[in-house]
Amino acid sequence: MKAWILVLVILATCSLDGNAFSRGQRTRGESVYAASGCAHCHSIRGVGGKKGPDLSDVGRRLKGSQMRKQIVEGSKQMPPFGDDLQEIELADLIAYLHSCRDRKR
């Protein structure tokens, strides 16, 4: 029963607007981004790799559920990270990525 409550809270959190996430959650998510090596392939605001897409505006382009699916399942070019991240780390990472809402120039 408690696991279902946690899952529902995380799913609800993932669908909220980027401003609804706490500053602490976004900060922890930024740490998860760095510790997981995301910047090896992705860049945000000009910092990071070029192998994957620039994530500077990912919060404008994708919903939390879409980010979650991409991170957990991966794609042809991106490995899955579902087994590497704990649920709270995943939620924090999505909060951080959702806050990346720069406009394309």
PDB file of N, CA and C in Angstrom:
ATOM      1  N   MET A   1       0.821  -1.198   0.000  1.00  0.00           N
ATOM      2  CA  MET A   1       0.000   0.000   0.000  1.00  0.00           C
ATOM      3  C   MET A   1       0.863   1.260   0.000  1.00  0.00           C
ATOM      4  N   LYS A   2       1.908   1.292   0.835  1.00  0.00           N
ATOM      5  CA  LYS A   2       2.770   2.472   0.894  1.00  0.00           C
ATOM      6  C   LYS A   2       3.493   2.694  -0.418  1.00  0.00           C
ATOM      7  N   ALA A   3       3.851   1.625  -1.108  1.00  0.00           N
ATOM      8  CA  ALA A   3       4.539   1.748  -2.399  1.00  0.00           C
ATOM      9  C   ALA A   3       3.633   2.440  -3.411  1.00  0.00           C
ATOM     10  N   TRP A   4       2.358   2.108  -3.416  1.00  0.00           N
ATOM     11  CA  TRP A   4       1.420   2.747  -4.339  1.00  0.00           C
ATOM     12  C   TRP A   4       1.292   4.232  -4.049  1.00  0.00           C
ATOM     13  N   ILE A   5       1.284   4.590  -2.788  1.00  0.00           N
ATOM     14  CA  ILE A   5       1.190   6.005  -2.422  1.00  0.00           C
ATOM     15  C   ILE A   5       2.419   6.743  -2.935  1.00  0.00           C
ATOM     16  N   LEU A   6       3.598   6.166  -2.756  1.00  0.00           N
ATOM     17  CA  LEU A   6       4.833   6.778  -3.247  1.00  0.00           C
ATOM     18  C   LEU A   6       4.789   6.943  -4.765  1.00  0.00           C
ATOM     19  N   VAL A   7       4.345   5.926  -5.467  1.00  0.00           N
ATOM     20  CA  VAL A   7       4.249   5.989  -6.926  1.00  0.00           C
ATOM     21  C   VAL A   7       3.286   7.090  -7.353  1.00  0.00           C
ATOM     22  N   LEU A   8       2.141   7.191  -6.695  1.00  0.00           N
ATOM     23  CA  LEU A   8       1.168   8.223  -7.033  1.00  0.00           C
ATOM     24  C   LEU A   8       1.721   9.621  -6.770  1.00  0.00           C
ATOM     25  N   VAL A   9       2.426   9.791  -5.672  1.00  0.00           N
ATOM     26  CA  VAL A   9       3.029  11.089  -5.357  1.00  0.00           C
ATOM     27  C   VAL A   9       4.054  11.460  -6.418  1.00  0.00           C
ATOM     28  N   ILE A  10       4.886  10.518  -6.801  1.00  0.00           N
ATOM     29  CA  ILE A  10       5.911  10.789  -7.812  1.00  0.00           C
ATOM     30  C   ILE A  10       5.267  11.119  -9.151  1.00  0.00           C
ATOM     31  N   LEU A  11       4.273  10.358  -9.550  1.00  0.00           N
ATOM     32  CA  LEU A  11       3.603  10.635 -10.823  1.00  0.00           C
ATOM     33  C   LEU A  11       2.918  11.994 -10.809  1.00  0.00           C
ATOM     34  N   ALA A  12       2.299  12.335  -9.718  1.00  0.00           N
ATOM     35  CA  ALA A  12       1.654  13.649  -9.605  1.00  0.00           C
ATOM     36  C   ALA A  12       2.697  14.751  -9.667  1.00  0.00           C
ATOM     37  N   THR A  13       3.814  14.541  -9.008  1.00  0.00           N
ATOM     38  CA  THR A  13       4.890  15.524  -9.005  1.00  0.00           C
ATOM     39  C   THR A  13       5.440  15.721 -10.409  1.00  0.00           C
ATOM     40  N   CYS A  14       5.570  14.654 -11.160  1.00  0.00           N
ATOM     41  CA  CYS A  14       6.128  14.729 -12.506  1.00  0.00           C
ATOM     42  C   CYS A  14       5.244  15.509 -13.456  1.00  0.00           C
ATOM     43  N   SER A  15       3.967  15.603 -13.180  1.00  0.00           N
ATOM     44  CA  SER A  15       3.064  16.290 -14.086  1.00  0.00           C
ATOM     45  C   SER A  15       2.835  17.751 -13.709  1.00  0.00           C
ATOM     46  N   LEU A  16       3.424  18.205 -12.628  1.00  0.00           N
ATOM     47  CA  LEU A  16       3.244  19.580 -12.191  1.00  0.00           C
ATOM     48  C   LEU A  16       4.101  20.537 -12.999  1.00  0.00           C
ATOM     49  N   ASP A  17       3.735  21.804 -12.991  1.00  0.00           N
ATOM     50  CA  ASP A  17       4.523  22.841 -13.625  1.00  0.00           C
ATOM     51  C   ASP A  17       5.881  22.953 -12.947  1.00  0.00           C
ATOM     52  N   GLY A  18       6.913  23.357 -13.679  1.00  0.00           N
ATOM     53  CA  GLY A  18       8.278  23.447 -13.160  1.00  0.00           C
ATOM     54  C   GLY A  18       8.403  24.327 -11.930  1.00  0.00           C
ATOM     55  N   ASN A  19       7.567  25.361 -11.804  1.00  0.00           N
ATOM     56  CA  ASN A  19       7.641  26.248 -10.657  1.00  0.00           C
ATOM     57  C   ASN A  19       7.095  25.597  -9.398  1.00  0.00           C
ATOM     58  N   ALA A  20       6.362  24.497  -9.526  1.00  0.00           N
ATOM     59  CA  ALA A  20       5.756  23.836  -8.377  1.00  0.00           C
ATOM     60  C   ALA A  20       6.769  22.970  -7.623  1.00  0.00           C
ATOM     61  N   PHE A  21       7.876  22.641  -8.269  1.00  0.00           N
ATOM     62  CA  PHE A  21       8.904  21.858  -7.605  1.00  0.00           C
ATOM     63  C   PHE A  21       9.653  22.746  -6.627  1.00  0.00           C
ATOM     64  N   SER A  22      10.054  22.174  -5.517  1.00  0.00           N
ATOM     65  CA  SER A  22      10.782  22.961  -4.530  1.00  0.00           C
ATOM     66  C   SER A  22      12.203  23.234  -5.004  1.00  0.00           C
ATOM     67  N   ARG A  23      12.766  24.286  -4.500  1.00  0.00           N
ATOM     68  CA  ARG A  23      14.147  24.632  -4.833  1.00  0.00           C
ATOM     69  C   ARG A  23      15.086  23.504  -4.420  1.00  0.00           C
ATOM     70  N   GLY A  24      14.825  22.906  -3.262  1.00  0.00           N
ATOM     71  CA  GLY A  24      15.649  21.789  -2.791  1.00  0.00           C
ATOM     72  C   GLY A  24      15.590  20.603  -3.730  1.00  0.00           C
ATOM     73  N   GLN A  25      14.396  20.306  -4.239  1.00  0.00           N
ATOM     74  CA  GLN A  25      14.247  19.190  -5.164  1.00  0.00           C
ATOM     75  C   GLN A  25      15.006  19.468  -6.462  1.00  0.00           C
ATOM     76  N   ARG A  26      14.914  20.689  -6.964  1.00  0.00           N
ATOM     77  CA  ARG A  26      15.652  21.047  -8.183  1.00  0.00           C
ATOM     78  C   ARG A  26      17.155  20.984  -7.948  1.00  0.00           C
ATOM     79  N   THR A  27      17.612  21.428  -6.786  1.00  0.00           N
ATOM     80  CA  THR A  27      19.045  21.391  -6.461  1.00  0.00           C
ATOM     81  C   THR A  27      19.536  19.954  -6.363  1.00  0.00           C
ATOM     82  N   ARG A  28      18.757  19.104  -5.702  1.00  0.00           N
ATOM     83  CA  ARG A  28      19.136  17.680  -5.631  1.00  0.00           C
ATOM     84  C   ARG A  28      19.144  17.059  -7.022  1.00  0.00           C
ATOM     85  N   GLY A  29      18.184  17.449  -7.860  1.00  0.00           N
ATOM     86  CA  GLY A  29      18.127  16.944  -9.225  1.00  0.00           C
ATOM     87  C   GLY A  29      19.331  17.363 -10.049  1.00  0.00           C
ATOM     88  N   GLU A  30      19.803  18.559  -9.829  1.00  0.00           N
ATOM     89  CA  GLU A  30      21.013  19.026 -10.516  1.00  0.00           C
ATOM     90  C   GLU A  30      22.206  18.172 -10.097  1.00  0.00           C
ATOM     91  N   SER A  31      22.257  17.796  -8.836  1.00  0.00           N
ATOM     92  CA  SER A  31      23.327  16.916  -8.347  1.00  0.00           C
ATOM     93  C   SER A  31      23.220  15.528  -8.977  1.00  0.00           C
ATOM     94  N   VAL A  32      22.002  15.012  -9.119  1.00  0.00           N
ATOM     95  CA  VAL A  32      21.801  13.713  -9.772  1.00  0.00           C
ATOM     96  C   VAL A  32      22.256  13.796 -11.224  1.00  0.00           C
ATOM     97  N   TYR A  33      21.923  14.895 -11.894  1.00  0.00           N
ATOM     98  CA  TYR A  33      22.343  15.117 -13.282  1.00  0.00           C
ATOM     99  C   TYR A  33      23.865  15.034 -13.386  1.00  0.00           C
ATOM    100  N   ALA A  34      24.558  15.705 -12.479  1.00  0.00           N
ATOM    101  CA  ALA A  34      26.022  15.703 -12.501  1.00  0.00           C
ATOM    102  C   ALA A  34      26.593  14.333 -12.139  1.00  0.00           C
ATOM    103  N   ALA A  35      26.079  13.722 -11.098  1.00  0.00           N
ATOM    104  CA  ALA A  35      26.613  12.447 -10.611  1.00  0.00           C
ATOM    105  C   ALA A  35      26.335  11.291 -11.573  1.00  0.00           C
ATOM    106  N   SER A  36      25.268  11.393 -12.341  1.00  0.00           N
ATOM    107  CA  SER A  36      24.896  10.312 -13.257  1.00  0.00           C
ATOM    108  C   SER A  36      25.598  10.420 -14.605  1.00  0.00           C
ATOM    109  N   GLY A  37      26.357  11.475 -14.792  1.00  0.00           N
ATOM    110  CA  GLY A  37      27.104  11.637 -16.034  1.00  0.00           C
ATOM    111  C   GLY A  37      26.284  12.151 -17.201  1.00  0.00           C
ATOM    112  N   CYS A  38      25.147  12.752 -16.930  1.00  0.00           N
ATOM    113  CA  CYS A  38      24.283  13.257 -18.007  1.00  0.00           C
ATOM    114  C   CYS A  38      25.017  14.278 -18.880  1.00  0.00           C
ATOM    115  N   ALA A  39      25.868  15.095 -18.241  1.00  0.00           N
ATOM    116  CA  ALA A  39      26.589  16.151 -18.971  1.00  0.00           C
ATOM    117  C   ALA A  39      27.649  15.582 -19.910  1.00  0.00           C
ATOM    118  N   HIS A  40      27.927  14.300 -19.796  1.00  0.00           N
ATOM    119  CA  HIS A  40      28.865  13.687 -20.738  1.00  0.00           C
ATOM    120  C   HIS A  40      28.297  13.749 -22.156  1.00  0.00           C
ATOM    121  N   CYS A  41      26.998  13.588 -22.281  1.00  0.00           N
ATOM    122  CA  CYS A  41      26.343  13.584 -23.597  1.00  0.00           C
ATOM    123  C   CYS A  41      25.486  14.824 -23.850  1.00  0.00           C
ATOM    124  N   HIS A  42      24.902  15.384 -22.792  1.00  0.00           N
ATOM    125  CA  HIS A  42      23.960  16.499 -22.932  1.00  0.00           C
ATOM    126  C   HIS A  42      24.569  17.791 -22.421  1.00  0.00           C
ATOM    127  N   SER A  43      24.112  18.904 -22.993  1.00  0.00           N
ATOM    128  CA  SER A  43      24.530  20.211 -22.488  1.00  0.00           C
ATOM    129  C   SER A  43      23.308  20.966 -21.987  1.00  0.00           C
ATOM    130  N   ILE A  44      23.555  21.851 -21.042  1.00  0.00           N
ATOM    131  CA  ILE A  44      22.555  22.788 -20.547  1.00  0.00           C
ATOM    132  C   ILE A  44      23.243  24.138 -20.462  1.00  0.00           C
ATOM    133  N   ARG A  45      22.663  25.107 -21.166  1.00  0.00           N
ATOM    134  CA  ARG A  45      23.214  26.466 -21.214  1.00  0.00           C
ATOM    135  C   ARG A  45      24.683  26.470 -21.644  1.00  0.00           C
ATOM    136  N   GLY A  46      24.996  25.663 -22.642  1.00  0.00           N
ATOM    137  CA  GLY A  46      26.333  25.647 -23.228  1.00  0.00           C
ATOM    138  C   GLY A  46      27.369  24.825 -22.488  1.00  0.00           C
ATOM    139  N   VAL A  47      26.978  24.171 -21.404  1.00  0.00           N
ATOM    140  CA  VAL A  47      27.926  23.371 -20.622  1.00  0.00           C
ATOM    141  C   VAL A  47      27.565  21.896 -20.756  1.00  0.00           C
ATOM    142  N   GLY A  48      28.516  21.106 -21.245  1.00  0.00           N
ATOM    143  CA  GLY A  48      28.294  19.675 -21.365  1.00  0.00           C
ATOM    144  C   GLY A  48      28.604  19.161 -22.757  1.00  0.00           C
ATOM    145  N   GLY A  49      28.239  17.921 -22.991  1.00  0.00           N
ATOM    146  CA  GLY A  49      28.550  17.245 -24.237  1.00  0.00           C
ATOM    147  C   GLY A  49      27.625  17.599 -25.380  1.00  0.00           C
ATOM    148  N   LYS A  50      28.013  17.148 -26.548  1.00  0.00           N
ATOM    149  CA  LYS A  50      27.253  17.428 -27.772  1.00  0.00           C
ATOM    150  C   LYS A  50      26.668  16.163 -28.394  1.00  0.00           C
ATOM    151  N   LYS A  51      26.926  15.007 -27.786  1.00  0.00           N
ATOM    152  CA  LYS A  51      26.453  13.738 -28.347  1.00  0.00           C
ATOM    153  C   LYS A  51      24.928  13.636 -28.309  1.00  0.00           C
ATOM    154  N   GLY A  52      24.337  14.069 -27.195  1.00  0.00           N
ATOM    155  CA  GLY A  52      22.882  14.052 -27.041  1.00  0.00           C
ATOM    156  C   GLY A  52      22.307  15.439 -27.233  1.00  0.00           C
ATOM    157  N   PRO A  53      20.992  15.555 -27.225  1.00  0.00           N
ATOM    158  CA  PRO A  53      20.360  16.863 -27.418  1.00  0.00           C
ATOM    159  C   PRO A  53      20.666  17.835 -26.281  1.00  0.00           C
ATOM    160  N   ASP A  54      20.671  19.116 -26.636  1.00  0.00           N
ATOM    161  CA  ASP A  54      20.796  20.201 -25.670  1.00  0.00           C
ATOM    162  C   ASP A  54      19.519  20.196 -24.827  1.00  0.00           C
ATOM    163  N   LEU A  55      19.664  20.226 -23.511  1.00  0.00           N
ATOM    164  CA  LEU A  55      18.516  20.154 -22.605  1.00  0.00           C
ATOM    165  C   LEU A  55      18.142  21.509 -22.009  1.00  0.00           C
ATOM    166  N   SER A  56      18.690  22.594 -22.566  1.00  0.00           N
ATOM    167  CA  SER A  56      18.430  23.927 -22.007  1.00  0.00           C
ATOM    168  C   SER A  56      16.952  24.280 -21.971  1.00  0.00           C
ATOM    169  N   ASP A  57      16.178  23.753 -22.900  1.00  0.00           N
ATOM    170  CA  ASP A  57      14.754  24.080 -22.943  1.00  0.00           C
ATOM    171  C   ASP A  57      13.866  22.845 -22.805  1.00  0.00           C
ATOM    172  N   VAL A  58      14.415  21.769 -22.262  1.00  0.00           N
ATOM    173  CA  VAL A  58      13.654  20.518 -22.171  1.00  0.00           C
ATOM    174  C   VAL A  58      12.374  20.677 -21.346  1.00  0.00           C
ATOM    175  N   GLY A  59      12.386  21.577 -20.371  1.00  0.00           N
ATOM    176  CA  GLY A  59      11.197  21.816 -19.548  1.00  0.00           C
ATOM    177  C   GLY A  59      10.053  22.434 -20.319  1.00  0.00           C
ATOM    178  N   ARG A  60      10.344  23.079 -21.438  1.00  0.00           N
ATOM    179  CA  ARG A  60       9.314  23.633 -22.315  1.00  0.00           C
ATOM    180  C   ARG A  60       8.814  22.590 -23.310  1.00  0.00           C
ATOM    181  N   ARG A  61       9.705  21.676 -23.695  1.00  0.00           N
ATOM    182  CA  ARG A  61       9.399  20.727 -24.757  1.00  0.00           C
ATOM    183  C   ARG A  61       8.705  19.454 -24.291  1.00  0.00           C
ATOM    184  N   LEU A  62       9.075  18.975 -23.101  1.00  0.00           N
ATOM    185  CA  LEU A  62       8.565  17.683 -22.647  1.00  0.00           C
ATOM    186  C   LEU A  62       7.839  17.791 -21.316  1.00  0.00           C
ATOM    187  N   LYS A  63       6.829  16.954 -21.164  1.00  0.00           N
ATOM    188  CA  LYS A  63       6.147  16.817 -19.876  1.00  0.00           C
ATOM    189  C   LYS A  63       6.994  15.922 -18.978  1.00  0.00           C
ATOM    190  N   GLY A  64       6.736  15.983 -17.688  1.00  0.00           N
ATOM    191  CA  GLY A  64       7.461  15.143 -16.736  1.00  0.00           C
ATOM    192  C   GLY A  64       7.360  13.667 -17.064  1.00  0.00           C
ATOM    193  N   SER A  65       6.185  13.233 -17.503  1.00  0.00           N
ATOM    194  CA  SER A  65       6.002  11.813 -17.836  1.00  0.00           C
ATOM    195  C   SER A  65       6.851  11.413 -19.044  1.00  0.00           C
ATOM    196  N   GLN A  66       7.013  12.328 -19.986  1.00  0.00           N
ATOM    197  CA  GLN A  66       7.849  12.051 -21.152  1.00  0.00           C
ATOM    198  C   GLN A  66       9.324  11.969 -20.764  1.00  0.00           C
ATOM    199  N   MET A  67       9.742  12.872 -19.876  1.00  0.00           N
ATOM    200  CA  MET A  67      11.128  12.849 -19.386  1.00  0.00           C
ATOM    201  C   MET A  67      11.393  11.540 -18.653  1.00  0.00           C
ATOM    202  N   ARG A  68      10.465  11.177 -17.803  1.00  0.00           N
ATOM    203  CA  ARG A  68      10.603   9.949 -17.021  1.00  0.00           C
ATOM    204  C   ARG A  68      10.770   8.737 -17.935  1.00  0.00           C
ATOM    205  N   LYS A  69       9.925   8.630 -18.943  1.00  0.00           N
ATOM    206  CA  LYS A  69       9.990   7.497 -19.881  1.00  0.00           C
ATOM    207  C   LYS A  69      11.348   7.462 -20.576  1.00  0.00           C
ATOM    208  N   GLN A  70      11.819   8.608 -21.032  1.00  0.00           N
ATOM    209  CA  GLN A  70      13.105   8.673 -21.729  1.00  0.00           C
ATOM    210  C   GLN A  70      14.253   8.255 -20.812  1.00  0.00           C
ATOM    211  N   ILE A  71      14.243   8.755 -19.586  1.00  0.00           N
ATOM    212  CA  ILE A  71      15.315   8.440 -18.642  1.00  0.00           C
ATOM    213  C   ILE A  71      15.286   6.963 -18.258  1.00  0.00           C
ATOM    214  N   VAL A  72      14.121   6.455 -17.934  1.00  0.00           N
ATOM    215  CA  VAL A  72      13.980   5.072 -17.469  1.00  0.00           C
ATOM    216  C   VAL A  72      14.228   4.062 -18.587  1.00  0.00           C
ATOM    217  N   GLU A  73      13.634   4.307 -19.746  1.00  0.00           N
ATOM    218  CA  GLU A  73      13.701   3.325 -20.831  1.00  0.00           C
ATOM    219  C   GLU A  73      14.830   3.571 -21.824  1.00  0.00           C
ATOM    220  N   GLY A  74      15.317   4.814 -21.912  1.00  0.00           N
ATOM    221  CA  GLY A  74      16.340   5.150 -22.889  1.00  0.00           C
ATOM    222  C   GLY A  74      15.761   5.162 -24.293  1.00  0.00           C
ATOM    223  N   SER A  75      16.655   5.134 -25.284  1.00  0.00           N
ATOM    224  CA  SER A  75      16.258   5.111 -26.692  1.00  0.00           C
ATOM    225  C   SER A  75      17.375   4.463 -27.492  1.00  0.00           C
ATOM    226  N   LYS A  76      17.326   4.589 -28.809  1.00  0.00           N
ATOM    227  CA  LYS A  76      18.382   3.993 -29.635  1.00  0.00           C
ATOM    228  C   LYS A  76      19.754   4.556 -29.272  1.00  0.00           C
ATOM    229  N   GLN A  77      19.820   5.873 -29.023  1.00  0.00           N
ATOM    230  CA  GLN A  77      21.098   6.503 -28.718  1.00  0.00           C
ATOM    231  C   GLN A  77      21.387   6.631 -27.216  1.00  0.00           C
ATOM    232  N   MET A  78      20.366   6.622 -26.395  1.00  0.00           N
ATOM    233  CA  MET A  78      20.539   6.851 -24.957  1.00  0.00           C
ATOM    234  C   MET A  78      20.294   5.564 -24.177  1.00  0.00           C
ATOM    235  N   PRO A  79      21.233   5.205 -23.311  1.00  0.00           N
ATOM    236  CA  PRO A  79      21.011   3.998 -22.500  1.00  0.00           C
ATOM    237  C   PRO A  79      19.926   4.238 -21.448  1.00  0.00           C
ATOM    238  N   PRO A  80      19.250   3.192 -21.006  1.00  0.00           N
ATOM    239  CA  PRO A  80      18.248   3.348 -19.947  1.00  0.00           C
ATOM    240  C   PRO A  80      18.919   3.544 -18.591  1.00  0.00           C
ATOM    241  N   PHE A  81      18.315   4.372 -17.760  1.00  0.00           N
ATOM    242  CA  PHE A  81      18.839   4.625 -16.419  1.00  0.00           C
ATOM    243  C   PHE A  81      17.858   4.198 -15.339  1.00  0.00           C
ATOM    244  N   GLY A  82      16.816   3.474 -15.719  1.00  0.00           N
ATOM    245  CA  GLY A  82      15.798   3.035 -14.765  1.00  0.00           C
ATOM    246  C   GLY A  82      16.349   2.193 -13.637  1.00  0.00           C
ATOM    247  N   ASP A  83      17.338   1.367 -13.920  1.00  0.00           N
ATOM    248  CA  ASP A  83      17.927   0.516 -12.884  1.00  0.00           C
ATOM    249  C   ASP A  83      19.011   1.222 -12.084  1.00  0.00           C
ATOM    250  N   ASP A  84      19.462   2.375 -12.571  1.00  0.00           N
ATOM    251  CA  ASP A  84      20.557   3.093 -11.921  1.00  0.00           C
ATOM    252  C   ASP A  84      20.091   4.141 -10.924  1.00  0.00           C
ATOM    253  N   LEU A  85      18.859   4.601 -11.066  1.00  0.00           N
ATOM    254  CA  LEU A  85      18.355   5.686 -10.219  1.00  0.00           C
ATOM    255  C   LEU A  85      17.257   5.193  -9.286  1.00  0.00           C
ATOM    256  N   GLN A  86      17.318   5.657  -8.053  1.00  0.00           N
ATOM    257  CA  GLN A  86      16.237   5.392  -7.111  1.00  0.00           C
ATOM    258  C   GLN A  86      15.069   6.309  -7.476  1.00  0.00           C
ATOM    259  N   GLU A  87      13.881   5.970  -7.029  1.00  0.00           N
ATOM    260  CA  GLU A  87      12.687   6.756  -7.377  1.00  0.00           C
ATOM    261  C   GLU A  87      12.831   8.228  -6.982  1.00  0.00           C
ATOM    262  N   ILE A  88      13.381   8.493  -5.806  1.00  0.00           N
ATOM    263  CA  ILE A  88      13.516   9.883  -5.358  1.00  0.00           C
ATOM    264  C   ILE A  88      14.536  10.623  -6.219  1.00  0.00           C
ATOM    265  N   GLU A  89      15.597   9.937  -6.634  1.00  0.00           N
ATOM    266  CA  GLU A  89      16.586  10.556  -7.521  1.00  0.00           C
ATOM    267  C   GLU A  89      15.956  10.882  -8.875  1.00  0.00           C
ATOM    268  N   LEU A  90      15.155   9.973  -9.363  1.00  0.00           N
ATOM    269  CA  LEU A  90      14.469  10.182 -10.629  1.00  0.00           C
ATOM    270  C   LEU A  90      13.523  11.373 -10.536  1.00  0.00           C
ATOM    271  N   ALA A  91      12.750  11.457  -9.471  1.00  0.00           N
ATOM    272  CA  ALA A  91      11.829  12.580  -9.277  1.00  0.00           C
ATOM    273  C   ALA A  91      12.593  13.902  -9.177  1.00  0.00           C
ATOM    274  N   ASP A  92      13.712  13.897  -8.455  1.00  0.00           N
ATOM    275  CA  ASP A  92      14.524  15.110  -8.328  1.00  0.00           C
ATOM    276  C   ASP A  92      15.129  15.511  -9.670  1.00  0.00           C
ATOM    277  N   LEU A  93      15.619  14.536 -10.429  1.00  0.00           N
ATOM    278  CA  LEU A  93      16.200  14.813 -11.742  1.00  0.00           C
ATOM    279  C   LEU A  93      15.147  15.416 -12.675  1.00  0.00           C
ATOM    280  N   ILE A  94      13.951  14.876 -12.653  1.00  0.00           N
ATOM    281  CA  ILE A  94      12.875  15.405 -13.482  1.00  0.00           C
ATOM    282  C   ILE A  94      12.516  16.822 -13.045  1.00  0.00           C
ATOM    283  N   ALA A  95      12.513  17.081 -11.755  1.00  0.00           N
ATOM    284  CA  ALA A  95      12.249  18.440 -11.260  1.00  0.00           C
ATOM    285  C   ALA A  95      13.288  19.409 -11.807  1.00  0.00           C
ATOM    286  N   TYR A  96      14.556  19.006 -11.768  1.00  0.00           N
ATOM    287  CA  TYR A  96      15.619  19.862 -12.290  1.00  0.00           C
ATOM    288  C   TYR A  96      15.451  20.076 -13.790  1.00  0.00           C
ATOM    289  N   LEU A  97      15.258  19.002 -14.529  1.00  0.00           N
ATOM    290  CA  LEU A  97      15.118  19.121 -15.984  1.00  0.00           C
ATOM    291  C   LEU A  97      13.885  19.944 -16.360  1.00  0.00           C
ATOM    292  N   HIS A  98      12.825  19.804 -15.580  1.00  0.00           N
ATOM    293  CA  HIS A  98      11.614  20.574 -15.860  1.00  0.00           C
ATOM    294  C   HIS A  98      11.842  22.064 -15.631  1.00  0.00           C
ATOM    295  N   SER A  99      12.814  22.402 -14.796  1.00  0.00           N
ATOM    296  CA  SER A  99      13.131  23.810 -14.556  1.00  0.00           C
ATOM    297  C   SER A  99      13.988  24.410 -15.671  1.00  0.00           C
ATOM    298  N   CYS A 100      14.498  23.563 -16.562  1.00  0.00           N
ATOM    299  CA  CYS A 100      15.291  24.019 -17.703  1.00  0.00           C
ATOM    300  C   CYS A 100      14.321  24.454 -18.793  1.00  0.00           C
ATOM    301  N   ARG A 101      14.026  25.751 -18.808  1.00  0.00           N
ATOM    302  CA  ARG A 101      12.978  26.259 -19.681  1.00  0.00           C
ATOM    303  C   ARG A 101      13.459  27.425 -20.533  1.00  0.00           C
ATOM    304  N   ASP A 102      14.769  27.475 -20.823  1.00  0.00           N
ATOM    305  CA  ASP A 102      15.305  28.563 -21.641  1.00  0.00           C
ATOM    306  C   ASP A 102      14.633  28.575 -23.007  1.00  0.00           C
ATOM    307  N   ARG A 103      14.453  29.750 -23.516  1.00  0.00           N
ATOM    308  CA  ARG A 103      13.902  29.893 -24.866  1.00  0.00           C
ATOM    309  C   ARG A 103      15.032  29.733 -25.874  1.00  0.00           C
ATOM    310  N   LYS A 104      14.713  29.061 -26.973  1.00  0.00           N
ATOM    311  CA  LYS A 104      15.702  28.934 -28.055  1.00  0.00           C
ATOM    312  C   LYS A 104      15.884  30.291 -28.703  1.00  0.00           C
ATOM    313  N   ARG A 105      17.109  30.589 -29.037  1.00  0.00           N
ATOM    314  CA  ARG A 105      17.419  31.896 -29.653  1.00  0.00           C
ATOM    315  C   ARG A 105      17.193  31.854 -31.130  1.00  0.00           C
TER     316      ARG A 105
END
